[in-house]
Amino acid sequence: MHENTRGSSGTDSELDLDLPAAAAHLGMSPTAFAQLLDRGVVPSYVGDDGRHRRILLADLEAHRAERFALRQQLSQQARERRRPTYGPESTTAGVVIVA
């Protein structure tokens, strides 16, 4: 788990969230988000109560940005696979249309 590096200033509810609030922030179920935390995909730390995990808002935003970039990349790859190529290197039928 991620160490609490914010010092002894206490919990700032605008900078970190509990698990249910963090899951809602990403539009996920708490169970699915807990699995991300368990796998170390998103860092967390144990809060001041010593029992519940807290997640920094900056870490949530970083995860969201990575996830968005990956979706964009995968969408682009899917578009490129669907797009036919008609250039000289094309493997389509060798038909020439003359008007």
C-alpha atoms as a PDB file:
ATOM      1  CA  MET A   1       0.000   0.000   0.000  1.00  0.00           C
ATOM      2  CA  HIS A   2       0.957   3.594  -0.502  1.00  0.00           C
ATOM      3  CA  GLU A   3       2.414   5.368   2.504  1.00  0.00           C
ATOM      4  CA  ASN A   4       0.669   8.464   3.780  1.00  0.00           C
ATOM      5  CA  THR A   5       3.110  11.170   2.680  1.00  0.00           C
ATOM      6  CA  ARG A   6       0.924  14.135   3.583  1.00  0.00           C
ATOM      7  CA  GLY A   7       2.516  14.529   6.987  1.00  0.00           C
ATOM      8  CA  SER A   8       0.627  14.960  10.236  1.00  0.00           C
ATOM      9  CA  SER A   9      -1.710  17.644   8.959  1.00  0.00           C
ATOM     10  CA  GLY A  10      -4.702  15.296   9.308  1.00  0.00           C
ATOM     11  CA  THR A  11      -7.177  14.161   6.706  1.00  0.00           C
ATOM     12  CA  ASP A  12      -8.170  16.716   4.134  1.00  0.00           C
ATOM     13  CA  SER A  13     -11.453  15.483   2.697  1.00  0.00           C
ATOM     14  CA  GLU A  14     -10.875  17.432  -0.510  1.00  0.00           C
ATOM     15  CA  LEU A  15      -7.543  15.720  -1.200  1.00  0.00           C
ATOM     16  CA  ASP A  16      -8.436  12.140  -0.351  1.00  0.00           C
ATOM     17  CA  LEU A  17     -11.518   9.940  -0.386  1.00  0.00           C
ATOM     18  CA  ASP A  18     -12.737   6.786   1.271  1.00  0.00           C
ATOM     19  CA  LEU A  19     -13.302   3.681  -0.848  1.00  0.00           C
ATOM     20  CA  PRO A  20     -17.030   4.181  -1.634  1.00  0.00           C
ATOM     21  CA  ALA A  21     -16.536   7.838  -2.575  1.00  0.00           C
ATOM     22  CA  ALA A  22     -13.485   7.036  -4.721  1.00  0.00           C
ATOM     23  CA  ALA A  23     -15.403   4.281  -6.515  1.00  0.00           C
ATOM     24  CA  ALA A  24     -18.300   6.653  -7.193  1.00  0.00           C
ATOM     25  CA  HIS A  25     -15.826   9.283  -8.438  1.00  0.00           C
ATOM     26  CA  LEU A  26     -14.645   6.811 -11.098  1.00  0.00           C
ATOM     27  CA  GLY A  27     -18.142   5.486 -11.823  1.00  0.00           C
ATOM     28  CA  MET A  28     -17.324   2.011 -10.503  1.00  0.00           C
ATOM     29  CA  SER A  29     -18.851  -0.264  -7.899  1.00  0.00           C
ATOM     30  CA  PRO A  30     -17.032  -0.312  -4.558  1.00  0.00           C
ATOM     31  CA  THR A  31     -16.299  -4.033  -5.030  1.00  0.00           C
ATOM     32  CA  ALA A  32     -14.684  -3.526  -8.441  1.00  0.00           C
ATOM     33  CA  PHE A  33     -12.698  -0.565  -7.152  1.00  0.00           C
ATOM     34  CA  ALA A  34     -11.516  -2.558  -4.106  1.00  0.00           C
ATOM     35  CA  GLN A  35     -10.143  -5.152  -6.542  1.00  0.00           C
ATOM     36  CA  LEU A  36      -8.105  -2.410  -8.252  1.00  0.00           C
ATOM     37  CA  LEU A  37      -6.742  -1.390  -4.859  1.00  0.00           C
ATOM     38  CA  ASP A  38      -5.946  -5.007  -3.949  1.00  0.00           C
ATOM     39  CA  ARG A  39      -4.012  -5.457  -7.222  1.00  0.00           C
ATOM     40  CA  GLY A  40      -2.100  -2.215  -6.657  1.00  0.00           C
ATOM     41  CA  VAL A  41      -3.487  -0.528  -9.774  1.00  0.00           C
ATOM     42  CA  VAL A  42      -4.474   2.500  -7.695  1.00  0.00           C
ATOM     43  CA  PRO A  43      -2.425   3.272  -4.562  1.00  0.00           C
ATOM     44  CA  SER A  44      -4.102   3.687  -1.190  1.00  0.00           C
ATOM     45  CA  TYR A  45      -3.138   4.074   2.450  1.00  0.00           C
ATOM     46  CA  VAL A  46      -4.732   3.342   5.805  1.00  0.00           C
ATOM     47  CA  GLY A  47      -6.526   6.378   7.191  1.00  0.00           C
ATOM     48  CA  ASP A  48      -6.179   7.953  10.625  1.00  0.00           C
ATOM     49  CA  ASP A  49      -8.713   5.506  12.065  1.00  0.00           C
ATOM     50  CA  GLY A  50      -6.309   2.653  11.268  1.00  0.00           C
ATOM     51  CA  ARG A  51      -8.990   0.560   9.564  1.00  0.00           C
ATOM     52  CA  HIS A  52     -10.223   2.112   6.338  1.00  0.00           C
ATOM     53  CA  ARG A  53      -8.345   2.747   3.135  1.00  0.00           C
ATOM     54  CA  ARG A  54      -8.050   6.266   1.789  1.00  0.00           C
ATOM     55  CA  ILE A  55      -7.247   7.203  -1.788  1.00  0.00           C
ATOM     56  CA  LEU A  56      -5.639  10.460  -2.839  1.00  0.00           C
ATOM     57  CA  LEU A  57      -7.674  12.430  -5.353  1.00  0.00           C
ATOM     58  CA  ALA A  58      -4.513  12.989  -7.412  1.00  0.00           C
ATOM     59  CA  ASP A  59      -4.044   9.199  -7.703  1.00  0.00           C
ATOM     60  CA  LEU A  60      -7.658   8.817  -8.856  1.00  0.00           C
ATOM     61  CA  GLU A  61      -7.220  11.492 -11.498  1.00  0.00           C
ATOM     62  CA  ALA A  62      -3.958   9.901 -12.678  1.00  0.00           C
ATOM     63  CA  HIS A  63      -5.706   6.532 -13.015  1.00  0.00           C
ATOM     64  CA  ARG A  64      -8.586   8.130 -14.904  1.00  0.00           C
ATOM     65  CA  ALA A  65      -6.160   9.836 -17.309  1.00  0.00           C
ATOM     66  CA  GLU A  66      -4.272   6.564 -17.924  1.00  0.00           C
ATOM     67  CA  ARG A  67      -7.532   4.697 -18.491  1.00  0.00           C
ATOM     68  CA  PHE A  68      -8.762   7.386 -20.910  1.00  0.00           C
ATOM     69  CA  ALA A  69      -5.477   7.319 -22.855  1.00  0.00           C
ATOM     70  CA  LEU A  70      -5.642   3.525 -23.119  1.00  0.00           C
ATOM     71  CA  ARG A  71      -9.237   3.670 -24.367  1.00  0.00           C
ATOM     72  CA  GLN A  72      -8.271   6.253 -26.971  1.00  0.00           C
ATOM     73  CA  GLN A  73      -5.364   4.076 -28.148  1.00  0.00           C
ATOM     74  CA  LEU A  74      -7.521   0.945 -28.368  1.00  0.00           C
ATOM     75  CA  SER A  75     -10.251   2.845 -30.238  1.00  0.00           C
ATOM     76  CA  GLN A  76      -7.702   4.141 -32.739  1.00  0.00           C
ATOM     77  CA  GLN A  77      -6.329   0.641 -33.291  1.00  0.00           C
ATOM     78  CA  ALA A  78      -9.860  -0.700 -33.858  1.00  0.00           C
ATOM     79  CA  ARG A  79     -10.577   2.073 -36.381  1.00  0.00           C
ATOM     80  CA  GLU A  80      -7.369   1.292 -38.250  1.00  0.00           C
ATOM     81  CA  ARG A  81      -8.293  -2.395 -38.476  1.00  0.00           C
ATOM     82  CA  ARG A  82     -11.739  -1.541 -39.887  1.00  0.00           C
ATOM     83  CA  ARG A  83     -10.510   1.066 -42.363  1.00  0.00           C
ATOM     84  CA  PRO A  84      -9.857  -0.431 -45.808  1.00  0.00           C
ATOM     85  CA  THR A  85      -6.641   0.556 -47.527  1.00  0.00           C
ATOM     86  CA  TYR A  86      -6.754   1.412 -51.215  1.00  0.00           C
ATOM     87  CA  GLY A  87      -3.153   2.389 -51.784  1.00  0.00           C
ATOM     88  CA  PRO A  88      -0.550   0.594 -53.916  1.00  0.00           C
ATOM     89  CA  GLU A  89       0.265  -1.719 -50.986  1.00  0.00           C
ATOM     90  CA  SER A  90      -3.378  -2.766 -50.732  1.00  0.00           C
ATOM     91  CA  THR A  91      -4.174  -6.468 -50.752  1.00  0.00           C
ATOM     92  CA  THR A  92      -7.650  -5.907 -52.217  1.00  0.00           C
ATOM     93  CA  ALA A  93      -8.626  -7.353 -55.538  1.00  0.00           C
ATOM     94  CA  GLY A  94      -6.644  -6.043 -58.471  1.00  0.00           C
ATOM     95  CA  VAL A  95      -9.612  -4.361 -60.158  1.00  0.00           C
ATOM     96  CA  VAL A  96      -9.143  -1.123 -62.033  1.00  0.00           C
ATOM     97  CA  ILE A  97     -12.210   0.953 -62.836  1.00  0.00           C
ATOM     98  CA  VAL A  98     -11.909   3.158 -65.889  1.00  0.00           C
ATOM     99  CA  ALA A  99     -14.548   5.761 -66.535  1.00  0.00           C
END
